[in-house]
Protein backbone atom coordinates (compact mmCIF):
# COMPACT_ATOMS: atom_id res chain seq x y z
CA MET A 1 88.32 114.38 121.64
CA SER A 2 91.33 112.47 120.39
CA SER A 3 94.81 113.03 121.70
CA SER A 4 97.19 115.35 119.91
CA LYS A 5 98.82 112.61 117.87
CA LYS A 6 97.90 112.81 114.20
CA HIS A 7 94.52 111.17 114.01
CA VAL A 8 93.11 111.58 110.53
CA LEU A 9 89.38 112.10 110.81
CA LYS A 10 87.25 109.51 109.09
CA ALA A 11 83.90 110.46 107.67
CA VAL A 12 81.05 108.88 105.78
CA LEU A 13 79.29 111.25 103.40
CA ASP A 14 75.59 110.92 102.74
CA VAL A 15 74.56 110.54 99.10
CA ASN A 16 73.15 114.07 98.99
CA VAL A 17 76.57 115.43 100.01
CA TRP A 18 78.34 113.39 97.30
CA VAL A 19 75.89 114.44 94.59
CA SER A 20 76.19 118.11 95.57
CA ALA A 21 79.98 117.88 95.62
CA LEU A 22 80.11 116.18 92.22
CA LEU A 23 77.55 118.31 90.42
CA TRP A 24 77.51 121.70 92.07
CA GLY A 25 80.77 121.96 94.00
CA GLY A 26 80.50 124.48 96.82
CA LYS A 27 80.88 123.44 100.44
CA PRO A 28 80.40 119.69 99.87
CA ALA A 29 83.22 119.74 97.31
CA GLU A 30 85.50 121.30 99.94
CA ILE A 31 85.16 118.07 101.94
CA VAL A 32 86.18 115.99 98.91
CA LYS A 33 89.10 118.35 98.32
CA ALA A 34 90.16 117.92 101.96
CA ALA A 35 90.12 114.15 101.40
CA GLU A 36 92.33 114.52 98.32
CA GLN A 37 94.73 116.53 100.50
CA GLY A 38 94.77 113.82 103.16
CA LYS A 39 93.02 115.95 105.80
CA VAL A 40 90.13 113.54 106.12
CA ARG A 41 89.59 109.95 105.11
CA LEU A 42 86.27 109.32 103.36
CA VAL A 43 84.73 105.92 103.79
CA ALA A 44 81.92 104.23 101.88
CA SER A 45 80.25 100.87 101.54
CA GLU A 46 79.03 99.18 98.38
CA GLU A 47 75.47 100.09 99.34
CA ILE A 48 76.37 103.77 99.51
CA LEU A 49 78.16 103.66 96.17
CA ARG A 50 75.15 101.89 94.64
CA GLU A 51 72.85 104.65 95.86
CA ILE A 52 75.18 107.39 94.56
CA SER A 53 75.12 105.65 91.19
CA GLN A 54 71.32 105.37 91.18
CA VAL A 55 70.80 109.00 92.16
CA LEU A 56 73.23 110.16 89.47
CA ASN A 57 71.06 108.32 86.95
CA TYR A 58 68.00 110.46 87.77
CA PRO A 59 67.09 112.21 84.48
CA LYS A 60 67.15 115.72 85.92
CA LEU A 61 70.63 115.17 87.41
CA LYS A 62 71.89 113.42 84.29
CA LYS A 63 70.96 116.52 82.31
CA VAL A 64 73.15 118.65 84.60
CA TYR A 65 76.39 116.72 84.15
CA GLU A 66 75.83 115.64 80.57
CA ALA A 67 75.44 119.32 79.68
CA GLU A 68 78.97 119.75 81.10
CA GLY A 69 80.23 116.91 78.92
CA ILE A 70 80.71 114.59 81.91
CA ASN A 71 79.46 111.02 81.97
CA HIS A 72 78.17 108.84 84.80
CA GLU A 73 81.30 106.68 84.82
CA GLU A 74 83.58 109.70 85.35
CA LEU A 75 81.55 110.79 88.38
CA ILE A 76 81.71 107.32 89.92
CA GLN A 77 85.47 107.24 89.26
CA ALA A 78 85.81 110.58 91.08
CA VAL A 79 84.16 108.98 94.13
CA LEU A 80 86.25 105.80 93.89
CA LYS A 81 89.45 107.85 93.78
CA VAL A 82 88.89 109.32 97.24
CA VAL A 83 87.02 106.69 99.24
CA GLN A 84 88.15 103.76 101.24
CA PHE A 85 85.72 100.84 101.09
CA VAL A 86 84.50 98.88 104.07
CA GLN A 87 82.51 95.69 104.15
CA VAL A 88 79.51 96.25 106.41
CA THR A 89 78.91 93.33 108.75
CA ARG A 90 76.76 94.94 111.42
CA ARG A 91 73.18 96.09 110.87
CA VAL A 92 71.54 98.74 113.01
CA LYS A 93 68.05 100.15 113.29
CA VAL A 94 68.56 103.75 114.32
CA VAL A 95 66.88 106.03 111.79
CA LEU A 96 63.36 104.75 112.32
CA GLU A 97 61.67 107.40 110.15
CA HIS A 98 63.93 106.56 107.22
CA PRO A 99 65.54 103.11 107.63
CA GLU A 100 67.46 103.44 104.34
CA ASP A 101 69.68 105.96 106.14
CA ASP A 102 70.94 103.29 108.57
CA LYS A 103 73.50 102.27 105.92
CA PHE A 104 75.51 105.44 106.63
CA LEU A 105 75.74 104.62 110.34
CA GLU A 106 76.54 100.98 109.57
CA CYS A 107 79.37 102.06 107.30
CA ALA A 108 80.65 104.53 109.91
CA LEU A 109 80.57 101.87 112.66
CA GLU A 110 82.44 99.39 110.47
CA ALA A 111 85.10 101.95 109.55
CA LYS A 112 85.30 103.34 113.10
CA ALA A 113 84.55 106.71 111.51
CA ASP A 114 84.26 109.87 113.56
CA TYR A 115 81.52 111.51 111.52
CA VAL A 116 78.60 111.01 109.19
CA VAL A 117 78.12 114.16 107.13
CA SER A 118 74.61 114.70 105.85
CA GLY A 119 72.00 117.20 104.79
CA ASP A 120 69.23 114.73 105.59
CA LYS A 121 66.98 115.83 108.44
CA HIS A 122 66.25 112.25 109.58
CA LEU A 123 69.92 111.44 109.85
CA LEU A 124 70.88 114.78 111.42
CA LYS A 125 68.25 114.16 114.11
CA VAL A 126 70.31 111.17 115.29
CA GLY A 127 73.03 113.59 116.47
CA ASN A 128 75.36 111.02 118.01
CA TYR A 129 75.37 107.26 117.76
CA GLU A 130 77.95 105.34 119.75
CA LYS A 131 81.15 107.31 118.92
CA ILE A 132 79.85 108.76 115.66
CA GLN A 133 78.66 112.33 115.33
CA VAL A 134 76.13 113.12 112.62
CA VAL A 135 76.76 116.66 111.40
CA SER A 136 75.92 118.99 108.53
CA VAL A 137 78.42 119.91 105.81
CA HIS A 138 78.85 123.32 107.43
CA GLU A 139 79.54 121.83 110.87
CA PHE A 140 82.01 119.32 109.46
CA LEU A 141 83.94 121.98 107.57
CA GLY A 142 84.19 123.85 110.88
CA VAL A 143 85.64 120.74 112.54
CA LEU A 144 88.18 120.32 109.71
CA GLU A 145 89.15 123.96 109.85
CA ALA A 146 89.72 123.82 113.63
CA LYS A 147 91.80 120.67 113.26
CA HIS A 148 94.03 122.03 110.50
CA LYS A 149 94.76 125.55 111.75
C-alpha cells in the first residue's frame, strides 16, 4: 500500500455504478459523495462519459429520472462536476469476454488510478491489472472507510 503521506485514492467508476448513483443513490452515491468531499478522485475518459450518456437515454431509465423532474443534461452535469478527465492513449485487451469493458482499465492506467469500481462480473473477474484493483462498490467503500478513519 501507499506510504502514510496523503495519497488521494483515484478511481474509475463503471457506467453501472454511475447510473445507480445518479438514479437510485444508495452505496454507489456514497462514492460520488466521497469524491465531492475530496476523499477520492474520480476519473473518466470521453468514452466512459459517452457510454453514461447513452445508457441514461434508455427509455426505461429516462422514465425514472424524468418522473423526478430531472433531465439528461443535469445528470451529465452531475458527473462532470466530480470527474477529472484523462485522454486515453494506451489500448489494452484484458476483458476478453466483454472487450467494451477494457475502456475502464485504459482510463485507470492513463490516470494512474488505484481502483476500478464495478458491478460487472466480467470486469470484477480481472481482479488486478498492473497496479489497478478491480473491486465492487461494497469493497471500495470499505477501502475508503479504512483510509478515512
